[in-house]
Amino acid sequence: YVATPVEFTRTVSTDAVTGEKTYGAWSA
């Protein structure tokens, strides 16, 4: 039995100066 896959998303922002990444929360 193969279920329909579920997909999760989150926002990733990259500081243009430092290159540091900031991660948002995953979707519900």
mmCIF file of all heavy atoms, coordinates in Angstrom:
data_MODEL
# 
_entry.id   MODEL 
# 
loop_
_atom_site.group_PDB 
_atom_site.id 
_atom_site.type_symbol 
_atom_site.label_atom_id 
_atom_site.label_alt_id 
_atom_site.label_comp_id 
_atom_site.label_asym_id 
_atom_site.label_entity_id 
_atom_site.label_seq_id 
_atom_site.pdbx_PDB_ins_code 
_atom_site.Cartn_x 
_atom_site.Cartn_y 
_atom_site.Cartn_z 
_atom_site.occupancy 
_atom_site.B_iso_or_equiv 
_atom_site.pdbx_formal_charge 
_atom_site.auth_seq_id 
_atom_site.auth_comp_id 
_atom_site.auth_asym_id 
_atom_site.auth_atom_id 
_atom_site.pdbx_PDB_model_num 
ATOM 1   N N   . TYR A 1 1  ? 0.874  -1.163 0.000  1.00 0.00 ? 1  TYR A N   1 
ATOM 2   C CA  . TYR A 1 1  ? 0.000  0.000  0.000  1.00 0.00 ? 1  TYR A CA  1 
ATOM 3   C C   . TYR A 1 1  ? 0.916  1.220  0.000  1.00 0.00 ? 1  TYR A C   1 
ATOM 4   O O   . TYR A 1 1  ? 1.800  1.348  0.849  1.00 0.00 ? 1  TYR A O   1 
ATOM 5   C CB  . TYR A 1 1  ? -0.894 0.024  1.244  1.00 0.00 ? 1  TYR A CB  1 
ATOM 6   C CG  . TYR A 1 1  ? -1.640 1.326  1.385  1.00 0.00 ? 1  TYR A CG  1 
ATOM 7   C CD1 . TYR A 1 1  ? -2.824 1.551  0.698  1.00 0.00 ? 1  TYR A CD1 1 
ATOM 8   C CD2 . TYR A 1 1  ? -1.139 2.343  2.182  1.00 0.00 ? 1  TYR A CD2 1 
ATOM 9   C CE1 . TYR A 1 1  ? -3.493 2.761  0.801  1.00 0.00 ? 1  TYR A CE1 1 
ATOM 10  C CE2 . TYR A 1 1  ? -1.802 3.562  2.290  1.00 0.00 ? 1  TYR A CE2 1 
ATOM 11  C CZ  . TYR A 1 1  ? -2.975 3.754  1.599  1.00 0.00 ? 1  TYR A CZ  1 
ATOM 12  O OH  . TYR A 1 1  ? -3.620 4.958  1.708  1.00 0.00 ? 1  TYR A OH  1 
ATOM 13  N N   . VAL A 1 2  ? 0.719  2.115  -0.959 1.00 0.00 ? 2  VAL A N   1 
ATOM 14  C CA  . VAL A 1 2  ? 1.532  3.327  -1.045 1.00 0.00 ? 2  VAL A CA  1 
ATOM 15  C C   . VAL A 1 2  ? 0.595  4.522  -0.955 1.00 0.00 ? 2  VAL A C   1 
ATOM 16  O O   . VAL A 1 2  ? -0.251 4.726  -1.829 1.00 0.00 ? 2  VAL A O   1 
ATOM 17  C CB  . VAL A 1 2  ? 2.345  3.369  -2.357 1.00 0.00 ? 2  VAL A CB  1 
ATOM 18  C CG1 . VAL A 1 2  ? 3.164  4.644  -2.434 1.00 0.00 ? 2  VAL A CG1 1 
ATOM 19  C CG2 . VAL A 1 2  ? 3.238  2.141  -2.474 1.00 0.00 ? 2  VAL A CG2 1 
ATOM 20  N N   . ALA A 1 3  ? 0.746  5.295  0.119  1.00 0.00 ? 3  ALA A N   1 
ATOM 21  C CA  . ALA A 1 3  ? -0.106 6.465  0.341  1.00 0.00 ? 3  ALA A CA  1 
ATOM 22  C C   . ALA A 1 3  ? 0.367  7.632  -0.524 1.00 0.00 ? 3  ALA A C   1 
ATOM 23  O O   . ALA A 1 3  ? 1.517  7.666  -0.979 1.00 0.00 ? 3  ALA A O   1 
ATOM 24  C CB  . ALA A 1 3  ? -0.058 6.861  1.815  1.00 0.00 ? 3  ALA A CB  1 
ATOM 25  N N   . THR A 1 4  ? -0.519 8.570  -0.714 1.00 0.00 ? 4  THR A N   1 
ATOM 26  C CA  . THR A 1 4  ? -0.145 9.807  -1.383 1.00 0.00 ? 4  THR A CA  1 
ATOM 27  C C   . THR A 1 4  ? 0.848  10.541 -0.483 1.00 0.00 ? 4  THR A C   1 
ATOM 28  O O   . THR A 1 4  ? 0.579  10.725 0.708  1.00 0.00 ? 4  THR A O   1 
ATOM 29  C CB  . THR A 1 4  ? -1.388 10.685 -1.615 1.00 0.00 ? 4  THR A CB  1 
ATOM 30  O OG1 . THR A 1 4  ? -2.327 9.959  -2.408 1.00 0.00 ? 4  THR A OG1 1 
ATOM 31  C CG2 . THR A 1 4  ? -1.018 11.987 -2.303 1.00 0.00 ? 4  THR A CG2 1 
ATOM 32  N N   . PRO A 1 5  ? 2.019  10.919 -1.005 1.00 0.00 ? 5  PRO A N   1 
ATOM 33  C CA  . PRO A 1 5  ? 3.021  11.605 -0.167 1.00 0.00 ? 5  PRO A CA  1 
ATOM 34  C C   . PRO A 1 5  ? 2.480  12.920 0.393  1.00 0.00 ? 5  PRO A C   1 
ATOM 35  O O   . PRO A 1 5  ? 1.594  13.544 -0.194 1.00 0.00 ? 5  PRO A O   1 
ATOM 36  C CB  . PRO A 1 5  ? 4.176  11.878 -1.132 1.00 0.00 ? 5  PRO A CB  1 
ATOM 37  C CG  . PRO A 1 5  ? 3.966  10.963 -2.279 1.00 0.00 ? 5  PRO A CG  1 
ATOM 38  C CD  . PRO A 1 5  ? 2.482  10.746 -2.379 1.00 0.00 ? 5  PRO A CD  1 
ATOM 39  N N   . VAL A 1 6  ? 3.020  13.313 1.548  1.00 0.00 ? 6  VAL A N   1 
ATOM 40  C CA  . VAL A 1 6  ? 2.707  14.628 2.113  1.00 0.00 ? 6  VAL A CA  1 
ATOM 41  C C   . VAL A 1 6  ? 3.967  15.477 2.039  1.00 0.00 ? 6  VAL A C   1 
ATOM 42  O O   . VAL A 1 6  ? 5.084  14.964 2.089  1.00 0.00 ? 6  VAL A O   1 
ATOM 43  C CB  . VAL A 1 6  ? 2.177  14.539 3.562  1.00 0.00 ? 6  VAL A CB  1 
ATOM 44  C CG1 . VAL A 1 6  ? 0.839  13.831 3.600  1.00 0.00 ? 6  VAL A CG1 1 
ATOM 45  C CG2 . VAL A 1 6  ? 3.160  13.867 4.479  1.00 0.00 ? 6  VAL A CG2 1 
ATOM 46  N N   . GLU A 1 7  ? 3.768  16.774 1.879  1.00 0.00 ? 7  GLU A N   1 
ATOM 47  C CA  . GLU A 1 7  ? 4.909  17.671 1.719  1.00 0.00 ? 7  GLU A CA  1 
ATOM 48  C C   . GLU A 1 7  ? 4.878  18.758 2.791  1.00 0.00 ? 7  GLU A C   1 
ATOM 49  O O   . GLU A 1 7  ? 3.818  19.293 3.114  1.00 0.00 ? 7  GLU A O   1 
ATOM 50  C CB  . GLU A 1 7  ? 4.865  18.311 0.333  1.00 0.00 ? 7  GLU A CB  1 
ATOM 51  C CG  . GLU A 1 7  ? 6.098  19.113 0.004  1.00 0.00 ? 7  GLU A CG  1 
ATOM 52  C CD  . GLU A 1 7  ? 6.136  19.525 -1.452 1.00 0.00 ? 7  GLU A CD  1 
ATOM 53  O OE1 . GLU A 1 7  ? 6.631  18.739 -2.272 1.00 0.00 ? 7  GLU A OE1 1 
ATOM 54  O OE2 . GLU A 1 7  ? 5.651  20.627 -1.755 1.00 0.00 ? 7  GLU A OE2 1 
ATOM 55  N N   . PHE A 1 8  ? 6.033  19.031 3.329  1.00 0.00 ? 8  PHE A N   1 
ATOM 56  C CA  . PHE A 1 8  ? 6.196  20.072 4.337  1.00 0.00 ? 8  PHE A CA  1 
ATOM 57  C C   . PHE A 1 8  ? 7.079  21.167 3.754  1.00 0.00 ? 8  PHE A C   1 
ATOM 58  O O   . PHE A 1 8  ? 7.982  20.891 2.965  1.00 0.00 ? 8  PHE A O   1 
ATOM 59  C CB  . PHE A 1 8  ? 6.855  19.500 5.593  1.00 0.00 ? 8  PHE A CB  1 
ATOM 60  C CG  . PHE A 1 8  ? 6.006  18.463 6.271  1.00 0.00 ? 8  PHE A CG  1 
ATOM 61  C CD1 . PHE A 1 8  ? 6.137  17.123 5.956  1.00 0.00 ? 8  PHE A CD1 1 
ATOM 62  C CD2 . PHE A 1 8  ? 5.059  18.839 7.205  1.00 0.00 ? 8  PHE A CD2 1 
ATOM 63  C CE1 . PHE A 1 8  ? 5.346  16.170 6.569  1.00 0.00 ? 8  PHE A CE1 1 
ATOM 64  C CE2 . PHE A 1 8  ? 4.256  17.895 7.820  1.00 0.00 ? 8  PHE A CE2 1 
ATOM 65  C CZ  . PHE A 1 8  ? 4.395  16.556 7.502  1.00 0.00 ? 8  PHE A CZ  1 
ATOM 66  N N   . THR A 1 9  ? 6.810  22.391 4.163  1.00 0.00 ? 9  THR A N   1 
ATOM 67  C CA  . THR A 1 9  ? 7.595  23.525 3.680  1.00 0.00 ? 9  THR A CA  1 
ATOM 68  C C   . THR A 1 9  ? 7.986  24.430 4.847  1.00 0.00 ? 9  THR A C   1 
ATOM 69  O O   . THR A 1 9  ? 7.328  24.429 5.895  1.00 0.00 ? 9  THR A O   1 
ATOM 70  C CB  . THR A 1 9  ? 6.808  24.365 2.654  1.00 0.00 ? 9  THR A CB  1 
ATOM 71  O OG1 . THR A 1 9  ? 5.618  24.850 3.269  1.00 0.00 ? 9  THR A OG1 1 
ATOM 72  C CG2 . THR A 1 9  ? 6.470  23.556 1.421  1.00 0.00 ? 9  THR A CG2 1 
ATOM 73  N N   . ARG A 1 10 ? 9.058  25.162 4.655  1.00 0.00 ? 10 ARG A N   1 
ATOM 74  C CA  . ARG A 1 10 ? 9.444  26.219 5.588  1.00 0.00 ? 10 ARG A CA  1 
ATOM 75  C C   . ARG A 1 10 ? 10.247 27.251 4.805  1.00 0.00 ? 10 ARG A C   1 
ATOM 76  O O   . ARG A 1 10 ? 10.819 26.968 3.748  1.00 0.00 ? 10 ARG A O   1 
ATOM 77  C CB  . ARG A 1 10 ? 10.242 25.691 6.771  1.00 0.00 ? 10 ARG A CB  1 
ATOM 78  C CG  . ARG A 1 10 ? 11.642 25.206 6.435  1.00 0.00 ? 10 ARG A CG  1 
ATOM 79  C CD  . ARG A 1 10 ? 12.355 24.784 7.690  1.00 0.00 ? 10 ARG A CD  1 
ATOM 80  N NE  . ARG A 1 10 ? 13.673 24.217 7.372  1.00 0.00 ? 10 ARG A NE  1 
ATOM 81  C CZ  . ARG A 1 10 ? 14.521 23.804 8.290  1.00 0.00 ? 10 ARG A CZ  1 
ATOM 82  N NH1 . ARG A 1 10 ? 14.211 23.881 9.567  1.00 0.00 ? 10 ARG A NH1 1 
ATOM 83  N NH2 . ARG A 1 10 ? 15.679 23.301 7.942  1.00 0.00 ? 10 ARG A NH2 1 
ATOM 84  N N   . THR A 1 11 ? 10.289 28.458 5.346  1.00 0.00 ? 11 THR A N   1 
ATOM 85  C CA  . THR A 1 11 ? 11.027 29.550 4.723  1.00 0.00 ? 11 THR A CA  1 
ATOM 86  C C   . THR A 1 11 ? 12.463 29.548 5.236  1.00 0.00 ? 11 THR A C   1 
ATOM 87  O O   . THR A 1 11 ? 12.704 29.373 6.427  1.00 0.00 ? 11 THR A O   1 
ATOM 88  C CB  . THR A 1 11 ? 10.368 30.900 5.056  1.00 0.00 ? 11 THR A CB  1 
ATOM 89  O OG1 . THR A 1 11 ? 9.010  30.862 4.613  1.00 0.00 ? 11 THR A OG1 1 
ATOM 90  C CG2 . THR A 1 11 ? 11.095 32.051 4.393  1.00 0.00 ? 11 THR A CG2 1 
ATOM 91  N N   . VAL A 1 12 ? 13.408 29.712 4.315  1.00 0.00 ? 12 VAL A N   1 
ATOM 92  C CA  . VAL A 1 12 ? 14.819 29.858 4.670  1.00 0.00 ? 12 VAL A CA  1 
ATOM 93  C C   . VAL A 1 12 ? 15.282 31.191 4.103  1.00 0.00 ? 12 VAL A C   1 
ATOM 94  O O   . VAL A 1 12 ? 15.172 31.433 2.905  1.00 0.00 ? 12 VAL A O   1 
ATOM 95  C CB  . VAL A 1 12 ? 15.674 28.707 4.092  1.00 0.00 ? 12 VAL A CB  1 
ATOM 96  C CG1 . VAL A 1 12 ? 17.132 28.895 4.480  1.00 0.00 ? 12 VAL A CG1 1 
ATOM 97  C CG2 . VAL A 1 12 ? 15.158 27.347 4.545  1.00 0.00 ? 12 VAL A CG2 1 
ATOM 98  N N   . SER A 1 13 ? 15.776 32.058 4.985  1.00 0.00 ? 13 SER A N   1 
ATOM 99  C CA  . SER A 1 13 ? 16.280 33.366 4.563  1.00 0.00 ? 13 SER A CA  1 
ATOM 100 C C   . SER A 1 13 ? 17.789 33.389 4.750  1.00 0.00 ? 13 SER A C   1 
ATOM 101 O O   . SER A 1 13 ? 18.305 32.897 5.747  1.00 0.00 ? 13 SER A O   1 
ATOM 102 C CB  . SER A 1 13 ? 15.660 34.481 5.404  1.00 0.00 ? 13 SER A CB  1 
ATOM 103 O OG  . SER A 1 13 ? 14.255 34.452 5.288  1.00 0.00 ? 13 SER A OG  1 
ATOM 104 N N   . THR A 1 14 ? 18.500 33.963 3.776  1.00 0.00 ? 14 THR A N   1 
ATOM 105 C CA  . THR A 1 14 ? 19.954 34.066 3.850  1.00 0.00 ? 14 THR A CA  1 
ATOM 106 C C   . THR A 1 14 ? 20.339 35.538 3.905  1.00 0.00 ? 14 THR A C   1 
ATOM 107 O O   . THR A 1 14 ? 19.958 36.315 3.026  1.00 0.00 ? 14 THR A O   1 
ATOM 108 C CB  . THR A 1 14 ? 20.611 33.395 2.635  1.00 0.00 ? 14 THR A CB  1 
ATOM 109 O OG1 . THR A 1 14 ? 20.164 32.038 2.554  1.00 0.00 ? 14 THR A OG1 1 
ATOM 110 C CG2 . THR A 1 14 ? 22.121 33.416 2.750  1.00 0.00 ? 14 THR A CG2 1 
ATOM 111 N N   . ASP A 1 15 ? 21.108 35.889 4.944  1.00 0.00 ? 15 ASP A N   1 
ATOM 112 C CA  . ASP A 1 15 ? 21.608 37.256 5.080  1.00 0.00 ? 15 ASP A CA  1 
ATOM 113 C C   . ASP A 1 15 ? 22.601 37.503 3.957  1.00 0.00 ? 15 ASP A C   1 
ATOM 114 O O   . ASP A 1 15 ? 23.582 36.775 3.804  1.00 0.00 ? 15 ASP A O   1 
ATOM 115 C CB  . ASP A 1 15 ? 22.274 37.434 6.447  1.00 0.00 ? 15 ASP A CB  1 
ATOM 116 C CG  . ASP A 1 15 ? 22.703 38.873 6.691  1.00 0.00 ? 15 ASP A CG  1 
ATOM 117 O OD1 . ASP A 1 15 ? 23.598 39.361 5.948  1.00 0.00 ? 15 ASP A OD1 1 
ATOM 118 O OD2 . ASP A 1 15 ? 22.166 39.492 7.618  1.00 0.00 ? 15 ASP A OD2 1 
ATOM 119 N N   . ALA A 1 16 ? 22.356 38.530 3.142  1.00 0.00 ? 16 ALA A N   1 
ATOM 120 C CA  . ALA A 1 16 ? 23.200 38.813 1.981  1.00 0.00 ? 16 ALA A CA  1 
ATOM 121 C C   . ALA A 1 16 ? 24.624 39.206 2.359  1.00 0.00 ? 16 ALA A C   1 
ATOM 122 O O   . ALA A 1 16 ? 25.554 39.012 1.573  1.00 0.00 ? 16 ALA A O   1 
ATOM 123 C CB  . ALA A 1 16 ? 22.565 39.914 1.129  1.00 0.00 ? 16 ALA A CB  1 
ATOM 124 N N   . VAL A 1 17 ? 24.831 39.723 3.544  1.00 0.00 ? 17 VAL A N   1 
ATOM 125 C CA  . VAL A 1 17 ? 26.160 40.179 3.974  1.00 0.00 ? 17 VAL A CA  1 
ATOM 126 C C   . VAL A 1 17 ? 26.933 39.049 4.646  1.00 0.00 ? 17 VAL A C   1 
ATOM 127 O O   . VAL A 1 17 ? 28.071 38.755 4.300  1.00 0.00 ? 17 VAL A O   1 
ATOM 128 C CB  . VAL A 1 17 ? 26.051 41.400 4.914  1.00 0.00 ? 17 VAL A CB  1 
ATOM 129 C CG1 . VAL A 1 17 ? 27.422 41.798 5.443  1.00 0.00 ? 17 VAL A CG1 1 
ATOM 130 C CG2 . VAL A 1 17 ? 25.390 42.564 4.201  1.00 0.00 ? 17 VAL A CG2 1 
ATOM 131 N N   . THR A 1 18 ? 26.292 38.397 5.624  1.00 0.00 ? 18 THR A N   1 
ATOM 132 C CA  . THR A 1 18 ? 27.010 37.383 6.420  1.00 0.00 ? 18 THR A CA  1 
ATOM 133 C C   . THR A 1 18 ? 26.853 35.965 5.871  1.00 0.00 ? 18 THR A C   1 
ATOM 134 O O   . THR A 1 18 ? 27.617 35.080 6.230  1.00 0.00 ? 18 THR A O   1 
ATOM 135 C CB  . THR A 1 18 ? 26.506 37.385 7.870  1.00 0.00 ? 18 THR A CB  1 
ATOM 136 O OG1 . THR A 1 18 ? 25.132 36.964 7.898  1.00 0.00 ? 18 THR A OG1 1 
ATOM 137 C CG2 . THR A 1 18 ? 26.652 38.755 8.501  1.00 0.00 ? 18 THR A CG2 1 
ATOM 138 N N   . GLY A 1 19 ? 25.836 35.751 5.059  1.00 0.00 ? 19 GLY A N   1 
ATOM 139 C CA  . GLY A 1 19 ? 25.566 34.399 4.557  1.00 0.00 ? 19 GLY A CA  1 
ATOM 140 C C   . GLY A 1 19 ? 24.849 33.529 5.581  1.00 0.00 ? 19 GLY A C   1 
ATOM 141 O O   . GLY A 1 19 ? 24.550 32.371 5.318  1.00 0.00 ? 19 GLY A O   1 
ATOM 142 N N   . GLU A 1 20 ? 24.556 34.091 6.759  1.00 0.00 ? 20 GLU A N   1 
ATOM 143 C CA  . GLU A 1 20 ? 23.883 33.326 7.812  1.00 0.00 ? 20 GLU A CA  1 
ATOM 144 C C   . GLU A 1 20 ? 22.444 33.031 7.401  1.00 0.00 ? 20 GLU A C   1 
ATOM 145 O O   . GLU A 1 20 ? 21.736 33.895 6.898  1.00 0.00 ? 20 GLU A O   1 
ATOM 146 C CB  . GLU A 1 20 ? 23.898 34.122 9.119  1.00 0.00 ? 20 GLU A CB  1 
ATOM 147 C CG  . GLU A 1 20 ? 23.255 33.390 10.274 1.00 0.00 ? 20 GLU A CG  1 
ATOM 148 C CD  . GLU A 1 20 ? 23.296 34.200 11.563 1.00 0.00 ? 20 GLU A CD  1 
ATOM 149 O OE1 . GLU A 1 20 ? 24.125 35.123 11.682 1.00 0.00 ? 20 GLU A OE1 1 
ATOM 150 O OE2 . GLU A 1 20 ? 22.494 33.897 12.442 1.00 0.00 ? 20 GLU A OE2 1 
ATOM 151 N N   . LYS A 1 21 ? 22.031 31.784 7.623  1.00 0.00 ? 21 LYS A N   1 
ATOM 152 C CA  . LYS A 1 21 ? 20.673 31.367 7.263  1.00 0.00 ? 21 LYS A CA  1 
ATOM 153 C C   . LYS A 1 21 ? 19.783 31.381 8.492  1.00 0.00 ? 21 LYS A C   1 
ATOM 154 O O   . LYS A 1 21 ? 20.195 31.018 9.583  1.00 0.00 ? 21 LYS A O   1 
ATOM 155 C CB  . LYS A 1 21 ? 20.688 29.973 6.652  1.00 0.00 ? 21 LYS A CB  1 
ATOM 156 C CG  . LYS A 1 21 ? 21.384 29.932 5.311  1.00 0.00 ? 21 LYS A CG  1 
ATOM 157 C CD  . LYS A 1 21 ? 21.282 28.579 4.665  1.00 0.00 ? 21 LYS A CD  1 
ATOM 158 C CE  . LYS A 1 21 ? 21.984 28.637 3.313  1.00 0.00 ? 21 LYS A CE  1 
ATOM 159 N NZ  . LYS A 1 21 ? 21.683 27.505 2.482  1.00 0.00 ? 21 LYS A NZ  1 
ATOM 160 N N   . THR A 1 22 ? 18.552 31.808 8.273  1.00 0.00 ? 22 THR A N   1 
ATOM 161 C CA  . THR A 1 22 ? 17.533 31.797 9.306  1.00 0.00 ? 22 THR A CA  1 
ATOM 162 C C   . THR A 1 22 ? 16.402 30.906 8.800  1.00 0.00 ? 22 THR A C   1 
ATOM 163 O O   . THR A 1 22 ? 15.936 31.070 7.673  1.00 0.00 ? 22 THR A O   1 
ATOM 164 C CB  . THR A 1 22 ? 16.992 33.221 9.560  1.00 0.00 ? 22 THR A CB  1 
ATOM 165 O OG1 . THR A 1 22 ? 18.082 34.067 9.905  1.00 0.00 ? 22 THR A OG1 1 
ATOM 166 C CG2 . THR A 1 22 ? 15.956 33.226 10.670 1.00 0.00 ? 22 THR A CG2 1 
ATOM 167 N N   . TYR A 1 23 ? 15.988 29.957 9.648  1.00 0.00 ? 23 TYR A N   1 
ATOM 168 C CA  . TYR A 1 23 ? 14.972 28.986 9.254  1.00 0.00 ? 23 TYR A CA  1 
ATOM 169 C C   . TYR A 1 23 ? 13.646 29.272 9.936  1.00 0.00 ? 23 TYR A C   1 
ATOM 170 O O   . TYR A 1 23 ? 13.588 29.455 11.152 1.00 0.00 ? 23 TYR A O   1 
ATOM 171 C CB  . TYR A 1 23 ? 15.430 27.571 9.626  1.00 0.00 ? 23 TYR A CB  1 
ATOM 172 C CG  . TYR A 1 23 ? 16.692 27.162 8.915  1.00 0.00 ? 23 TYR A CG  1 
ATOM 173 C CD1 . TYR A 1 23 ? 17.949 27.387 9.475  1.00 0.00 ? 23 TYR A CD1 1 
ATOM 174 C CD2 . TYR A 1 23 ? 16.641 26.558 7.667  1.00 0.00 ? 23 TYR A CD2 1 
ATOM 175 C CE1 . TYR A 1 23 ? 19.106 27.028 8.815  1.00 0.00 ? 23 TYR A CE1 1 
ATOM 176 C CE2 . TYR A 1 23 ? 17.804 26.185 6.998  1.00 0.00 ? 23 TYR A CE2 1 
ATOM 177 C CZ  . TYR A 1 23 ? 19.027 26.427 7.584  1.00 0.00 ? 23 TYR A CZ  1 
ATOM 178 O OH  . TYR A 1 23 ? 20.170 26.068 6.923  1.00 0.00 ? 23 TYR A OH  1 
ATOM 179 N N   . GLY A 1 24 ? 12.579 29.281 9.157  1.00 0.00 ? 24 GLY A N   1 
ATOM 180 C CA  . GLY A 1 24 ? 11.231 29.439 9.700  1.00 0.00 ? 24 GLY A CA  1 
ATOM 181 C C   . GLY A 1 24 ? 10.709 28.102 10.181 1.00 0.00 ? 24 GLY A C   1 
ATOM 182 O O   . GLY A 1 24 ? 11.375 27.060 10.047 1.00 0.00 ? 24 GLY A O   1 
ATOM 183 N N   . ALA A 1 25 ? 9.521  28.113 10.725 1.00 0.00 ? 25 ALA A N   1 
ATOM 184 C CA  . ALA A 1 25 ? 8.887  26.887 11.219 1.00 0.00 ? 25 ALA A CA  1 
ATOM 185 C C   . ALA A 1 25 ? 8.384  26.047 10.040 1.00 0.00 ? 25 ALA A C   1 
ATOM 186 O O   . ALA A 1 25 ? 7.994  26.573 8.997  1.00 0.00 ? 25 ALA A O   1 
ATOM 187 C CB  . ALA A 1 25 ? 7.726  27.242 12.134 1.00 0.00 ? 25 ALA A CB  1 
ATOM 188 N N   . TRP A 1 26 ? 8.410  24.726 10.242 1.00 0.00 ? 26 TRP A N   1 
ATOM 189 C CA  . TRP A 1 26 ? 7.845  23.822 9.234  1.00 0.00 ? 26 TRP A CA  1 
ATOM 190 C C   . TRP A 1 26 ? 6.328  23.996 9.207  1.00 0.00 ? 26 TRP A C   1 
ATOM 191 O O   . TRP A 1 26 ? 5.705  24.363 10.199 1.00 0.00 ? 26 TRP A O   1 
ATOM 192 C CB  . TRP A 1 26 ? 8.190  22.370 9.554  1.00 0.00 ? 26 TRP A CB  1 
ATOM 193 C CG  . TRP A 1 26 ? 9.611  22.013 9.233  1.00 0.00 ? 26 TRP A CG  1 
ATOM 194 C CD1 . TRP A 1 26 ? 10.627 21.862 10.116 1.00 0.00 ? 26 TRP A CD1 1 
ATOM 195 C CD2 . TRP A 1 26 ? 10.169 21.773 7.941  1.00 0.00 ? 26 TRP A CD2 1 
ATOM 196 N NE1 . TRP A 1 26 ? 11.787 21.548 9.460  1.00 0.00 ? 26 TRP A NE1 1 
ATOM 197 C CE2 . TRP A 1 26 ? 11.534 21.484 8.118  1.00 0.00 ? 26 TRP A CE2 1 
ATOM 198 C CE3 . TRP A 1 26 ? 9.662  21.789 6.651  1.00 0.00 ? 26 TRP A CE3 1 
ATOM 199 C CZ2 . TRP A 1 26 ? 12.383 21.210 7.052  1.00 0.00 ? 26 TRP A CZ2 1 
ATOM 200 C CZ3 . TRP A 1 26 ? 10.516 21.508 5.590  1.00 0.00 ? 26 TRP A CZ3 1 
ATOM 201 C CH2 . TRP A 1 26 ? 11.857 21.228 5.792  1.00 0.00 ? 26 TRP A CH2 1 
ATOM 202 N N   . SER A 1 27 ? 5.727  23.709 8.074  1.00 0.00 ? 27 SER A N   1 
ATOM 203 C CA  . SER A 1 27 ? 4.270  23.774 7.949  1.00 0.00 ? 27 SER A CA  1 
ATOM 204 C C   . SER A 1 27 ? 3.624  22.798 8.932  1.00 0.00 ? 27 SER A C   1 
ATOM 205 O O   . SER A 1 27 ? 4.288  21.927 9.501  1.00 0.00 ? 27 SER A O   1 
ATOM 206 C CB  . SER A 1 27 ? 3.841  23.480 6.511  1.00 0.00 ? 27 SER A CB  1 
ATOM 207 O OG  . SER A 1 27 ? 4.404  22.271 6.050  1.00 0.00 ? 27 SER A OG  1 
ATOM 208 N N   . ALA A 1 28 ? 2.329  22.929 9.126  1.00 0.00 ? 28 ALA A N   1 
ATOM 209 C CA  . ALA A 1 28 ? 1.584  22.150 10.131 1.00 0.00 ? 28 ALA A CA  1 
ATOM 210 C C   . ALA A 1 28 ? 1.682  20.641 9.908  1.00 0.00 ? 28 ALA A C   1 
ATOM 211 O O   . ALA A 1 28 ? 1.920  20.171 8.777  1.00 0.00 ? 28 ALA A O   1 
ATOM 212 C CB  . ALA A 1 28 ? 0.121  22.571 10.094 1.00 0.00 ? 28 ALA A CB  1 
# 
